[in-house]
Amino acid sequence: MRRRTSSPCVIVTLCMRDNFRPLRAYLHAWGSPLRHRVRMLAYEERPDPRSLPDATYVFGDVDRMTPEVTETATALWHALASRGDAVRLLNRPGASLTRVQLLRALHALGINDFAVLRLDEPRERLRHPVFVRHTSEHDGAYTPLCETPDALEQALARLRAEGHSEGELLIVEFIDVQQQGFYRKYSAFRLGPQLIAHHIFFQREWQLK
């Protein structure tokens, strides 16, 4: 086992094994000055906290974790937290709302005008058009806009035939927010106590990625 050393300038980022590409692309381009300071680990590796340095740890993919990965990540968080001020921990696993929980909370508060439904929930009050997406992945919409209940059923039948399980699918009401023919996608992220504005994408198609 490697001896733990103090590395105050090291940033250790943890994510699912299939999601290293975005950070690698960033470190290859805009983030290249930080490349020597960033280390990436996969939750699936089940890293031993005793082998990890004192550093800043960023827990990524908290919205994509399976229950098993959440358990592993939470245990790692607590083991590192026991070191006190020797480490800095960001994005505590298990503390964030899931996509479904967050969207429903925003809808209940009147912040979001659209509702979301799982496939096993009643659809009598569903407002069309709608689209279908994954409950946690970031692949965007799996369907075009479904203007009628029949169109939605046809789209769901196709997704089932493609191997998607009903538990991983989410029906989302569509709200047309275009202005002057363009749709806009705003982004921000939180780092510790700071909320930082990120990008603004715009195009004529309703889905922006």
N, C-alpha and C. Protein backbone atom coordinates (compact mmCIF):
# COMPACT_ATOMS: atom_id res chain seq x y z
N MET A 1 0.85 -1.20 0.00
CA MET A 1 0.00 0.00 0.00
C MET A 1 0.88 1.24 0.00
N ARG A 2 0.59 2.19 -0.85
CA ARG A 2 1.35 3.42 -0.94
C ARG A 2 1.16 4.27 0.29
N ARG A 3 2.23 4.86 0.76
CA ARG A 3 2.14 5.70 1.95
C ARG A 3 1.43 7.00 1.62
N ARG A 4 0.50 7.41 2.48
CA ARG A 4 -0.23 8.66 2.28
C ARG A 4 0.69 9.83 2.52
N THR A 5 0.64 10.82 1.63
CA THR A 5 1.44 12.02 1.77
C THR A 5 0.55 13.23 1.69
N SER A 6 1.01 14.34 2.19
CA SER A 6 0.24 15.58 2.14
C SER A 6 0.43 16.23 0.79
N SER A 7 -0.66 16.48 0.08
CA SER A 7 -0.59 17.08 -1.25
C SER A 7 -1.64 18.17 -1.36
N PRO A 8 -1.41 19.34 -0.75
CA PRO A 8 -2.46 20.36 -0.68
C PRO A 8 -2.87 20.93 -2.03
N CYS A 9 -2.03 20.76 -3.06
CA CYS A 9 -2.34 21.34 -4.36
C CYS A 9 -2.99 20.34 -5.30
N VAL A 10 -3.18 19.10 -4.83
CA VAL A 10 -3.77 18.07 -5.69
C VAL A 10 -5.29 18.14 -5.61
N ILE A 11 -5.93 17.98 -6.78
CA ILE A 11 -7.38 17.88 -6.87
C ILE A 11 -7.71 16.48 -7.38
N VAL A 12 -8.40 15.72 -6.57
CA VAL A 12 -8.80 14.37 -6.95
C VAL A 12 -10.28 14.41 -7.34
N THR A 13 -10.59 14.05 -8.56
CA THR A 13 -11.98 14.03 -9.03
C THR A 13 -12.43 12.58 -9.17
N LEU A 14 -13.60 12.30 -8.64
CA LEU A 14 -14.15 10.96 -8.71
C LEU A 14 -15.42 10.98 -9.55
N CYS A 15 -15.56 9.98 -10.41
CA CYS A 15 -16.76 9.88 -11.24
C CYS A 15 -16.94 8.43 -11.67
N MET A 16 -18.03 8.17 -12.38
CA MET A 16 -18.25 6.84 -12.92
C MET A 16 -17.21 6.56 -14.01
N ARG A 17 -16.87 5.30 -14.18
CA ARG A 17 -15.79 4.93 -15.09
C ARG A 17 -16.07 5.38 -16.53
N ASP A 18 -17.34 5.45 -16.92
CA ASP A 18 -17.67 5.80 -18.31
C ASP A 18 -17.73 7.30 -18.55
N ASN A 19 -17.31 8.12 -17.57
CA ASN A 19 -17.51 9.56 -17.72
C ASN A 19 -16.22 10.36 -17.50
N PHE A 20 -15.09 9.79 -17.84
CA PHE A 20 -13.83 10.52 -17.75
C PHE A 20 -13.63 11.50 -18.92
N ARG A 21 -14.30 11.26 -20.04
CA ARG A 21 -14.01 12.01 -21.27
C ARG A 21 -14.17 13.52 -21.11
N PRO A 22 -15.24 14.05 -20.49
CA PRO A 22 -15.37 15.51 -20.41
C PRO A 22 -14.21 16.18 -19.67
N LEU A 23 -13.79 15.61 -18.54
CA LEU A 23 -12.69 16.22 -17.79
C LEU A 23 -11.38 16.08 -18.54
N ARG A 24 -11.15 14.94 -19.18
CA ARG A 24 -9.93 14.78 -19.96
C ARG A 24 -9.87 15.80 -21.10
N ALA A 25 -11.01 16.03 -21.75
CA ALA A 25 -11.04 17.02 -22.83
C ALA A 25 -10.75 18.42 -22.29
N TYR A 26 -11.29 18.73 -21.12
CA TYR A 26 -11.03 20.04 -20.51
C TYR A 26 -9.56 20.20 -20.17
N LEU A 27 -8.95 19.17 -19.56
CA LEU A 27 -7.54 19.26 -19.17
C LEU A 27 -6.62 19.30 -20.38
N HIS A 28 -7.09 18.77 -21.50
CA HIS A 28 -6.30 18.80 -22.72
C HIS A 28 -6.32 20.19 -23.37
N ALA A 29 -7.37 20.95 -23.10
CA ALA A 29 -7.53 22.26 -23.75
C ALA A 29 -7.45 23.38 -22.71
N TRP A 30 -8.59 23.96 -22.35
CA TRP A 30 -8.61 25.13 -21.48
C TRP A 30 -7.95 24.86 -20.13
N GLY A 31 -8.10 23.67 -19.61
CA GLY A 31 -7.58 23.38 -18.28
C GLY A 31 -6.17 22.82 -18.26
N SER A 32 -5.44 22.92 -19.36
CA SER A 32 -4.11 22.32 -19.43
C SER A 32 -3.15 22.80 -18.34
N PRO A 33 -3.22 24.06 -17.87
CA PRO A 33 -2.32 24.45 -16.77
C PRO A 33 -2.56 23.67 -15.48
N LEU A 34 -3.74 23.06 -15.34
CA LEU A 34 -4.06 22.29 -14.13
C LEU A 34 -3.78 20.80 -14.28
N ARG A 35 -3.34 20.39 -15.47
CA ARG A 35 -3.26 18.96 -15.77
C ARG A 35 -2.41 18.21 -14.75
N HIS A 36 -1.29 18.79 -14.33
CA HIS A 36 -0.38 18.11 -13.42
C HIS A 36 -0.92 18.06 -11.99
N ARG A 37 -2.01 18.79 -11.72
CA ARG A 37 -2.54 18.85 -10.36
C ARG A 37 -3.78 17.98 -10.17
N VAL A 38 -4.35 17.47 -11.26
CA VAL A 38 -5.63 16.76 -11.20
C VAL A 38 -5.42 15.26 -11.38
N ARG A 39 -6.02 14.51 -10.49
CA ARG A 39 -6.00 13.05 -10.58
C ARG A 39 -7.44 12.57 -10.67
N MET A 40 -7.71 11.60 -11.54
CA MET A 40 -9.05 11.09 -11.74
C MET A 40 -9.16 9.65 -11.22
N LEU A 41 -10.24 9.39 -10.51
CA LEU A 41 -10.50 8.04 -9.99
C LEU A 41 -11.93 7.64 -10.32
N ALA A 42 -12.13 6.35 -10.57
CA ALA A 42 -13.47 5.82 -10.81
C ALA A 42 -14.01 5.20 -9.53
N TYR A 43 -15.28 5.45 -9.27
CA TYR A 43 -15.90 4.84 -8.10
C TYR A 43 -15.82 3.32 -8.16
N GLU A 44 -15.93 2.78 -9.38
CA GLU A 44 -15.93 1.32 -9.53
C GLU A 44 -14.61 0.69 -9.07
N GLU A 45 -13.55 1.50 -8.98
CA GLU A 45 -12.27 0.98 -8.50
C GLU A 45 -12.26 0.76 -6.99
N ARG A 46 -13.29 1.30 -6.30
CA ARG A 46 -13.39 1.20 -4.85
C ARG A 46 -12.08 1.61 -4.19
N PRO A 47 -11.64 2.86 -4.42
CA PRO A 47 -10.34 3.29 -3.91
C PRO A 47 -10.26 3.20 -2.39
N ASP A 48 -9.11 2.75 -1.91
CA ASP A 48 -8.87 2.63 -0.47
C ASP A 48 -8.48 4.01 0.07
N PRO A 49 -9.26 4.60 0.97
CA PRO A 49 -8.93 5.95 1.45
C PRO A 49 -7.58 6.03 2.12
N ARG A 50 -7.07 4.93 2.67
CA ARG A 50 -5.77 4.94 3.31
C ARG A 50 -4.64 5.17 2.31
N SER A 51 -4.89 4.90 1.05
CA SER A 51 -3.86 5.08 0.03
C SER A 51 -3.95 6.43 -0.66
N LEU A 52 -4.94 7.24 -0.28
CA LEU A 52 -5.17 8.52 -0.96
C LEU A 52 -4.52 9.66 -0.19
N PRO A 53 -4.03 10.67 -0.93
CA PRO A 53 -3.34 11.79 -0.28
C PRO A 53 -4.31 12.78 0.35
N ASP A 54 -3.80 13.62 1.22
CA ASP A 54 -4.56 14.77 1.68
C ASP A 54 -4.66 15.73 0.50
N ALA A 55 -5.88 16.09 0.12
CA ALA A 55 -6.09 16.89 -1.09
C ALA A 55 -7.51 17.44 -1.10
N THR A 56 -7.86 18.09 -2.18
CA THR A 56 -9.25 18.48 -2.43
C THR A 56 -9.91 17.38 -3.25
N TYR A 57 -11.06 16.92 -2.80
CA TYR A 57 -11.77 15.84 -3.48
C TYR A 57 -13.10 16.36 -4.02
N VAL A 58 -13.32 16.14 -5.30
CA VAL A 58 -14.57 16.53 -5.95
C VAL A 58 -15.31 15.25 -6.33
N PHE A 59 -16.47 15.05 -5.74
CA PHE A 59 -17.28 13.86 -6.01
C PHE A 59 -18.24 14.19 -7.15
N GLY A 60 -17.95 13.65 -8.34
CA GLY A 60 -18.78 13.90 -9.51
C GLY A 60 -19.81 12.81 -9.73
N ASP A 61 -20.66 13.03 -10.70
CA ASP A 61 -21.66 12.03 -11.11
C ASP A 61 -22.60 11.63 -9.98
N VAL A 62 -22.83 12.52 -9.02
CA VAL A 62 -23.69 12.14 -7.89
C VAL A 62 -25.12 11.86 -8.33
N ASP A 63 -25.52 12.40 -9.49
CA ASP A 63 -26.87 12.18 -10.00
C ASP A 63 -26.97 10.90 -10.83
N ARG A 64 -25.85 10.25 -11.12
CA ARG A 64 -25.85 9.06 -11.95
C ARG A 64 -25.52 7.79 -11.16
N MET A 65 -25.26 7.93 -9.89
CA MET A 65 -24.82 6.79 -9.09
C MET A 65 -25.93 5.76 -8.89
N THR A 66 -25.54 4.51 -8.96
CA THR A 66 -26.42 3.44 -8.54
C THR A 66 -26.42 3.41 -7.01
N PRO A 67 -27.38 2.73 -6.38
CA PRO A 67 -27.35 2.63 -4.92
C PRO A 67 -26.04 2.04 -4.40
N GLU A 68 -25.48 1.06 -5.11
CA GLU A 68 -24.22 0.45 -4.68
C GLU A 68 -23.07 1.45 -4.74
N VAL A 69 -23.00 2.23 -5.83
CA VAL A 69 -21.94 3.23 -5.96
C VAL A 69 -22.11 4.33 -4.93
N THR A 70 -23.37 4.72 -4.66
CA THR A 70 -23.62 5.73 -3.63
C THR A 70 -23.11 5.26 -2.28
N GLU A 71 -23.32 4.00 -1.98
CA GLU A 71 -22.84 3.45 -0.71
C GLU A 71 -21.31 3.51 -0.64
N THR A 72 -20.65 3.12 -1.73
CA THR A 72 -19.19 3.16 -1.78
C THR A 72 -18.67 4.58 -1.63
N ALA A 73 -19.27 5.51 -2.38
CA ALA A 73 -18.82 6.89 -2.36
C ALA A 73 -19.06 7.53 -1.00
N THR A 74 -20.19 7.22 -0.37
CA THR A 74 -20.49 7.77 0.95
C THR A 74 -19.49 7.29 1.98
N ALA A 75 -19.14 6.02 1.93
CA ALA A 75 -18.14 5.48 2.86
C ALA A 75 -16.79 6.15 2.65
N LEU A 76 -16.42 6.39 1.39
CA LEU A 76 -15.16 7.07 1.10
C LEU A 76 -15.19 8.49 1.63
N TRP A 77 -16.31 9.18 1.43
CA TRP A 77 -16.47 10.54 1.95
C TRP A 77 -16.21 10.59 3.46
N HIS A 78 -16.86 9.71 4.20
CA HIS A 78 -16.73 9.72 5.65
C HIS A 78 -15.31 9.38 6.09
N ALA A 79 -14.67 8.45 5.38
CA ALA A 79 -13.30 8.10 5.73
C ALA A 79 -12.36 9.29 5.52
N LEU A 80 -12.55 10.01 4.44
CA LEU A 80 -11.72 11.19 4.17
C LEU A 80 -12.06 12.32 5.14
N ALA A 81 -13.35 12.49 5.45
CA ALA A 81 -13.77 13.56 6.35
C ALA A 81 -13.16 13.41 7.74
N SER A 82 -12.84 12.18 8.11
CA SER A 82 -12.27 11.95 9.44
C SER A 82 -10.90 12.59 9.60
N ARG A 83 -10.29 13.01 8.50
CA ARG A 83 -8.98 13.68 8.57
C ARG A 83 -9.11 15.16 8.94
N GLY A 84 -10.31 15.66 8.97
CA GLY A 84 -10.51 17.06 9.35
C GLY A 84 -10.03 18.03 8.28
N ASP A 85 -9.31 19.06 8.69
CA ASP A 85 -8.89 20.13 7.78
C ASP A 85 -7.81 19.70 6.80
N ALA A 86 -7.31 18.49 6.92
CA ALA A 86 -6.27 18.03 6.00
C ALA A 86 -6.81 17.82 4.59
N VAL A 87 -8.12 17.65 4.47
CA VAL A 87 -8.73 17.46 3.15
C VAL A 87 -9.88 18.45 2.99
N ARG A 88 -10.25 18.68 1.73
CA ARG A 88 -11.44 19.47 1.41
C ARG A 88 -12.33 18.61 0.54
N LEU A 89 -13.60 18.50 0.91
CA LEU A 89 -14.54 17.62 0.21
C LEU A 89 -15.66 18.45 -0.40
N LEU A 90 -15.93 18.21 -1.68
CA LEU A 90 -16.97 18.93 -2.40
C LEU A 90 -17.96 17.95 -3.01
N ASN A 91 -19.25 18.29 -2.93
CA ASN A 91 -20.30 17.53 -3.61
C ASN A 91 -20.59 16.21 -2.91
N ARG A 92 -21.10 16.28 -1.71
CA ARG A 92 -21.30 15.09 -0.89
C ARG A 92 -22.27 14.11 -1.55
N PRO A 93 -21.86 12.87 -1.76
CA PRO A 93 -22.76 11.87 -2.37
C PRO A 93 -23.92 11.56 -1.45
N GLY A 94 -25.09 11.36 -2.06
CA GLY A 94 -26.28 11.04 -1.30
C GLY A 94 -27.02 12.23 -0.75
N ALA A 95 -26.43 13.43 -0.86
CA ALA A 95 -27.06 14.63 -0.31
C ALA A 95 -27.89 15.38 -1.34
N SER A 96 -27.59 15.17 -2.62
CA SER A 96 -28.28 15.90 -3.68
C SER A 96 -29.58 15.20 -4.05
N LEU A 97 -30.56 16.00 -4.48
CA LEU A 97 -31.80 15.43 -5.00
C LEU A 97 -31.53 14.75 -6.33
N THR A 98 -32.26 13.68 -6.61
CA THR A 98 -32.20 13.09 -7.94
C THR A 98 -32.91 14.00 -8.94
N ARG A 99 -32.76 13.70 -10.22
CA ARG A 99 -33.42 14.52 -11.24
C ARG A 99 -34.93 14.57 -11.00
N VAL A 100 -35.54 13.41 -10.76
CA VAL A 100 -36.98 13.38 -10.56
C VAL A 100 -37.36 14.18 -9.32
N GLN A 101 -36.64 13.99 -8.22
CA GLN A 101 -36.93 14.72 -6.99
C GLN A 101 -36.78 16.22 -7.18
N LEU A 102 -35.73 16.64 -7.86
CA LEU A 102 -35.49 18.06 -8.07
C LEU A 102 -36.57 18.69 -8.94
N LEU A 103 -36.90 18.05 -10.07
CA LEU A 103 -37.91 18.60 -10.96
C LEU A 103 -39.27 18.67 -10.27
N ARG A 104 -39.59 17.68 -9.47
CA ARG A 104 -40.88 17.70 -8.77
C ARG A 104 -40.89 18.78 -7.68
N ALA A 105 -39.78 18.97 -7.01
CA ALA A 105 -39.72 20.01 -5.99
C ALA A 105 -39.87 21.39 -6.63
N LEU A 106 -39.22 21.62 -7.76
CA LEU A 106 -39.33 22.91 -8.45
C LEU A 106 -40.75 23.14 -8.96
N HIS A 107 -41.39 22.08 -9.42
CA HIS A 107 -42.77 22.19 -9.89
C HIS A 107 -43.72 22.50 -8.73
N ALA A 108 -43.51 21.83 -7.60
CA ALA A 108 -44.37 22.05 -6.44
C ALA A 108 -44.23 23.48 -5.90
N LEU A 109 -43.05 24.06 -6.04
CA LEU A 109 -42.81 25.42 -5.57
C LEU A 109 -43.28 26.47 -6.56
N GLY A 110 -43.72 26.04 -7.74
CA GLY A 110 -44.17 26.98 -8.76
C GLY A 110 -43.05 27.60 -9.57
N ILE A 111 -41.84 27.08 -9.42
CA ILE A 111 -40.70 27.61 -10.18
C ILE A 111 -40.70 27.04 -11.59
N ASN A 112 -40.96 25.75 -11.72
CA ASN A 112 -41.10 25.10 -13.03
C ASN A 112 -42.57 24.96 -13.38
N ASP A 113 -42.93 25.32 -14.61
CA ASP A 113 -44.31 25.19 -15.06
C ASP A 113 -44.64 23.80 -15.58
N PHE A 114 -43.65 22.95 -15.73
CA PHE A 114 -43.88 21.63 -16.33
C PHE A 114 -43.76 20.54 -15.28
N ALA A 115 -44.52 19.47 -15.51
CA ALA A 115 -44.52 18.32 -14.62
C ALA A 115 -43.72 17.17 -15.25
N VAL A 116 -43.32 16.22 -14.42
CA VAL A 116 -42.65 15.01 -14.89
C VAL A 116 -43.36 13.81 -14.30
N LEU A 117 -43.38 12.72 -15.06
CA LEU A 117 -44.05 11.50 -14.62
C LEU A 117 -43.19 10.28 -14.93
N ARG A 118 -43.18 9.34 -14.02
CA ARG A 118 -42.64 8.03 -14.34
C ARG A 118 -43.69 7.25 -15.12
N LEU A 119 -43.26 6.18 -15.78
CA LEU A 119 -44.17 5.48 -16.68
C LEU A 119 -45.30 4.77 -15.95
N ASP A 120 -45.12 4.44 -14.67
CA ASP A 120 -46.16 3.72 -13.94
C ASP A 120 -47.13 4.64 -13.21
N GLU A 121 -47.08 5.95 -13.51
CA GLU A 121 -47.95 6.90 -12.84
C GLU A 121 -49.09 7.34 -13.75
N PRO A 122 -50.23 7.72 -13.18
CA PRO A 122 -51.39 8.13 -14.00
C PRO A 122 -51.06 9.33 -14.88
N ARG A 123 -51.65 9.34 -16.07
CA ARG A 123 -51.33 10.40 -17.04
C ARG A 123 -52.55 11.25 -17.39
N GLU A 124 -53.63 11.16 -16.60
CA GLU A 124 -54.84 11.89 -16.94
C GLU A 124 -54.61 13.40 -17.02
N ARG A 125 -53.73 13.91 -16.19
CA ARG A 125 -53.50 15.36 -16.14
C ARG A 125 -52.25 15.78 -16.91
N LEU A 126 -51.69 14.83 -17.65
CA LEU A 126 -50.49 15.13 -18.42
C LEU A 126 -50.81 16.11 -19.53
N ARG A 127 -49.98 17.12 -19.70
CA ARG A 127 -50.20 18.16 -20.69
C ARG A 127 -49.25 17.97 -21.87
N HIS A 128 -49.79 17.74 -23.03
CA HIS A 128 -48.98 17.56 -24.24
C HIS A 128 -48.71 18.91 -24.89
N PRO A 129 -47.58 18.96 -25.64
CA PRO A 129 -46.65 17.89 -26.00
C PRO A 129 -45.72 17.52 -24.85
N VAL A 130 -45.16 16.30 -24.98
CA VAL A 130 -44.21 15.79 -24.00
C VAL A 130 -43.06 15.13 -24.74
N PHE A 131 -42.01 14.82 -23.99
CA PHE A 131 -40.92 14.01 -24.54
C PHE A 131 -40.46 13.05 -23.44
N VAL A 132 -39.65 12.08 -23.82
CA VAL A 132 -39.19 11.07 -22.89
C VAL A 132 -37.67 11.13 -22.80
N ARG A 133 -37.15 11.05 -21.59
CA ARG A 133 -35.71 11.04 -21.37
C ARG A 133 -35.37 10.04 -20.28
N HIS A 134 -34.08 9.86 -20.02
CA HIS A 134 -33.63 8.97 -18.95
C HIS A 134 -33.78 9.67 -17.61
N THR A 135 -34.02 8.89 -16.56
CA THR A 135 -34.21 9.48 -15.24
C THR A 135 -32.93 10.08 -14.67
N SER A 136 -31.76 9.66 -15.17
CA SER A 136 -30.52 10.18 -14.59
C SER A 136 -29.42 10.48 -15.60
N GLU A 137 -29.42 9.83 -16.76
CA GLU A 137 -28.36 10.07 -17.73
C GLU A 137 -28.51 11.44 -18.38
N HIS A 138 -27.48 11.83 -19.15
CA HIS A 138 -27.44 13.16 -19.76
C HIS A 138 -27.42 13.05 -21.29
N ASP A 139 -28.19 12.12 -21.80
CA ASP A 139 -28.22 11.89 -23.25
C ASP A 139 -29.24 12.75 -23.99
N GLY A 140 -29.98 13.57 -23.26
CA GLY A 140 -31.02 14.36 -23.90
C GLY A 140 -32.29 13.56 -24.10
N ALA A 141 -33.16 14.09 -24.94
CA ALA A 141 -34.46 13.44 -25.16
C ALA A 141 -34.29 12.18 -25.99
N TYR A 142 -35.04 11.14 -25.62
CA TYR A 142 -35.04 9.89 -26.38
C TYR A 142 -36.10 9.91 -27.48
N THR A 143 -36.97 10.91 -27.48
CA THR A 143 -38.06 10.96 -28.44
C THR A 143 -38.20 12.37 -28.99
N PRO A 144 -38.84 12.51 -30.14
CA PRO A 144 -39.27 13.86 -30.55
C PRO A 144 -40.44 14.29 -29.66
N LEU A 145 -40.92 15.49 -29.86
CA LEU A 145 -42.08 15.94 -29.11
C LEU A 145 -43.30 15.11 -29.49
N CYS A 146 -43.99 14.59 -28.50
CA CYS A 146 -45.18 13.77 -28.71
C CYS A 146 -46.41 14.65 -28.47
N GLU A 147 -47.14 14.95 -29.52
CA GLU A 147 -48.24 15.91 -29.42
C GLU A 147 -49.52 15.29 -28.86
N THR A 148 -49.62 13.96 -28.89
CA THR A 148 -50.85 13.29 -28.45
C THR A 148 -50.51 12.07 -27.60
N PRO A 149 -51.49 11.56 -26.83
CA PRO A 149 -51.25 10.32 -26.06
C PRO A 149 -50.87 9.15 -26.96
N ASP A 150 -51.49 9.05 -28.15
CA ASP A 150 -51.15 7.95 -29.05
C ASP A 150 -49.70 8.04 -29.51
N ALA A 151 -49.23 9.26 -29.82
CA ALA A 151 -47.84 9.44 -30.24
C ALA A 151 -46.89 9.05 -29.11
N LEU A 152 -47.26 9.36 -27.89
CA LEU A 152 -46.43 8.99 -26.75
C LEU A 152 -46.37 7.47 -26.60
N GLU A 153 -47.50 6.80 -26.73
CA GLU A 153 -47.52 5.35 -26.60
C GLU A 153 -46.66 4.69 -27.67
N GLN A 154 -46.71 5.21 -28.88
CA GLN A 154 -45.89 4.66 -29.96
C GLN A 154 -44.40 4.85 -29.65
N ALA A 155 -44.05 6.02 -29.12
CA ALA A 155 -42.65 6.29 -28.78
C ALA A 155 -42.18 5.38 -27.66
N LEU A 156 -43.04 5.16 -26.67
CA LEU A 156 -42.67 4.27 -25.55
C LEU A 156 -42.53 2.83 -26.02
N ALA A 157 -43.38 2.41 -26.92
CA ALA A 157 -43.28 1.05 -27.46
C ALA A 157 -41.94 0.86 -28.16
N ARG A 158 -41.51 1.89 -28.90
CA ARG A 158 -40.21 1.80 -29.59
C ARG A 158 -39.07 1.71 -28.57
N LEU A 159 -39.13 2.51 -27.52
CA LEU A 159 -38.07 2.49 -26.52
C LEU A 159 -38.01 1.14 -25.79
N ARG A 160 -39.17 0.57 -25.50
CA ARG A 160 -39.19 -0.76 -24.87
C ARG A 160 -38.57 -1.79 -25.80
N ALA A 161 -38.90 -1.71 -27.09
CA ALA A 161 -38.35 -2.66 -28.06
C ALA A 161 -36.83 -2.51 -28.18
N GLU A 162 -36.32 -1.31 -27.92
CA GLU A 162 -34.88 -1.07 -27.98
C GLU A 162 -34.16 -1.52 -26.71
N GLY A 163 -34.93 -1.97 -25.72
CA GLY A 163 -34.31 -2.51 -24.52
C GLY A 163 -34.32 -1.60 -23.31
N HIS A 164 -34.97 -0.46 -23.40
CA HIS A 164 -35.04 0.43 -22.25
C HIS A 164 -36.07 -0.10 -21.24
N SER A 165 -35.70 -0.10 -19.98
CA SER A 165 -36.64 -0.52 -18.95
C SER A 165 -37.51 0.66 -18.55
N GLU A 166 -38.73 0.37 -18.13
CA GLU A 166 -39.66 1.43 -17.79
C GLU A 166 -39.18 2.25 -16.59
N GLY A 167 -38.44 1.61 -15.69
CA GLY A 167 -37.97 2.31 -14.51
C GLY A 167 -36.96 3.40 -14.79
N GLU A 168 -36.32 3.36 -15.97
CA GLU A 168 -35.28 4.35 -16.28
C GLU A 168 -35.80 5.48 -17.17
N LEU A 169 -37.10 5.47 -17.49
CA LEU A 169 -37.65 6.46 -18.40
C LEU A 169 -38.52 7.47 -17.65
N LEU A 170 -38.48 8.70 -18.14
CA LEU A 170 -39.20 9.80 -17.50
C LEU A 170 -39.93 10.60 -18.58
N ILE A 171 -41.22 10.84 -18.36
CA ILE A 171 -42.02 11.66 -19.27
C ILE A 171 -41.98 13.10 -18.78
N VAL A 172 -41.66 14.03 -19.67
CA VAL A 172 -41.49 15.44 -19.30
C VAL A 172 -42.41 16.30 -20.15
N GLU A 173 -43.19 17.14 -19.53
CA GLU A 173 -44.01 18.10 -20.28
C GLU A 173 -43.10 19.15 -20.92
N PHE A 174 -43.44 19.52 -22.14
CA PHE A 174 -42.65 20.50 -22.88
C PHE A 174 -43.27 21.89 -22.75
N ILE A 175 -42.44 22.86 -22.45
CA ILE A 175 -42.86 24.26 -22.41
C ILE A 175 -42.10 25.02 -23.49
N ASP A 176 -42.81 25.67 -24.38
CA ASP A 176 -42.16 26.39 -25.47
C ASP A 176 -41.66 27.74 -24.95
N VAL A 177 -40.36 27.87 -24.81
CA VAL A 177 -39.77 29.09 -24.26
C VAL A 177 -38.94 29.84 -25.29
N GLN A 178 -39.19 29.56 -26.57
CA GLN A 178 -38.39 30.25 -27.59
C GLN A 178 -38.70 31.74 -27.60
N GLN A 179 -37.69 32.50 -27.96
CA GLN A 179 -37.81 33.94 -28.12
C GLN A 179 -37.19 34.32 -29.45
N GLN A 180 -37.99 34.99 -30.29
CA GLN A 180 -37.53 35.41 -31.61
C GLN A 180 -36.98 34.22 -32.41
N GLY A 181 -37.61 33.06 -32.24
CA GLY A 181 -37.23 31.89 -33.02
C GLY A 181 -36.07 31.10 -32.48
N PHE A 182 -35.54 31.46 -31.33
CA PHE A 182 -34.39 30.75 -30.76
C PHE A 182 -34.71 30.20 -29.38
N TYR A 183 -34.16 29.01 -29.12
CA TYR A 183 -34.19 28.45 -27.78
C TYR A 183 -32.82 28.67 -27.14
N ARG A 184 -32.82 28.91 -25.85
CA ARG A 184 -31.57 29.17 -25.13
C ARG A 184 -31.42 28.19 -23.97
N LYS A 185 -30.20 27.76 -23.75
CA LYS A 185 -29.87 26.87 -22.64
C LYS A 185 -28.82 27.56 -21.77
N TYR A 186 -29.20 27.82 -20.55
CA TYR A 186 -28.30 28.48 -19.60
C TYR A 186 -27.68 27.44 -18.68
N SER A 187 -26.47 27.72 -18.23
CA SER A 187 -25.78 26.78 -17.36
C SER A 187 -25.07 27.53 -16.25
N ALA A 188 -25.05 26.91 -15.08
CA ALA A 188 -24.28 27.44 -13.95
C ALA A 188 -23.86 26.27 -13.10
N PHE A 189 -22.82 26.45 -12.32
CA PHE A 189 -22.42 25.40 -11.40
C PHE A 189 -22.00 26.02 -10.08
N ARG A 190 -22.09 25.20 -9.06
CA ARG A 190 -21.73 25.64 -7.71
C ARG A 190 -20.43 24.99 -7.30
N LEU A 191 -19.51 25.80 -6.81
CA LEU A 191 -18.23 25.33 -6.31
C LEU A 191 -18.09 25.83 -4.88
N GLY A 192 -18.26 24.93 -3.91
CA GLY A 192 -18.28 25.37 -2.52
C GLY A 192 -19.45 26.32 -2.31
N PRO A 193 -19.20 27.51 -1.78
CA PRO A 193 -20.29 28.47 -1.55
C PRO A 193 -20.58 29.36 -2.76
N GLN A 194 -19.81 29.21 -3.84
CA GLN A 194 -19.92 30.12 -4.98
C GLN A 194 -20.79 29.53 -6.08
N LEU A 195 -21.67 30.34 -6.65
CA LEU A 195 -22.46 29.97 -7.81
C LEU A 195 -21.88 30.71 -9.01
N ILE A 196 -21.41 29.96 -10.01
CA ILE A 196 -20.65 30.52 -11.12
C ILE A 196 -21.42 30.33 -12.42
N ALA A 197 -21.69 31.43 -13.12
CA ALA A 197 -22.35 31.35 -14.42
C ALA A 197 -21.43 30.66 -15.42
N HIS A 198 -22.01 29.82 -16.25
CA HIS A 198 -21.21 29.07 -17.22
C HIS A 198 -21.61 29.52 -18.63
N HIS A 199 -22.15 28.61 -19.46
CA HIS A 199 -22.39 28.94 -20.86
C HIS A 199 -23.84 29.34 -21.12
N ILE A 200 -24.05 29.90 -22.30
CA ILE A 200 -25.39 30.08 -22.87
C ILE A 200 -25.34 29.53 -24.29
N PHE A 201 -26.11 28.48 -24.56
CA PHE A 201 -26.23 27.93 -25.90
C PHE A 201 -27.53 28.44 -26.51
N PHE A 202 -27.56 28.59 -27.83
CA PHE A 202 -28.82 28.95 -28.47
C PHE A 202 -28.86 28.36 -29.87
N GLN A 203 -30.06 27.97 -30.28
CA GLN A 203 -30.30 27.45 -31.63
C GLN A 203 -31.80 27.43 -31.87
N ARG A 204 -32.19 27.07 -33.10
CA ARG A 204 -33.61 27.09 -33.45
C ARG A 204 -34.33 25.81 -33.07
N GLU A 205 -33.58 24.71 -32.88
CA GLU A 205 -34.19 23.45 -32.46
C GLU A 205 -34.46 23.50 -30.97
N TRP A 206 -35.49 22.79 -30.50
CA TRP A 206 -35.90 22.90 -29.10
C TRP A 206 -34.96 22.21 -28.14
N GLN A 207 -34.21 21.22 -28.61
CA GLN A 207 -33.28 20.53 -27.71
C GLN A 207 -31.84 20.99 -27.98
N LEU A 208 -31.21 21.50 -26.94
CA LEU A 208 -29.85 21.97 -27.05
C LEU A 208 -28.93 21.07 -26.24
N LYS A 209 -27.86 20.60 -26.84
CA LYS A 209 -26.88 19.79 -26.14
C LYS A 209 -25.49 20.32 -26.45
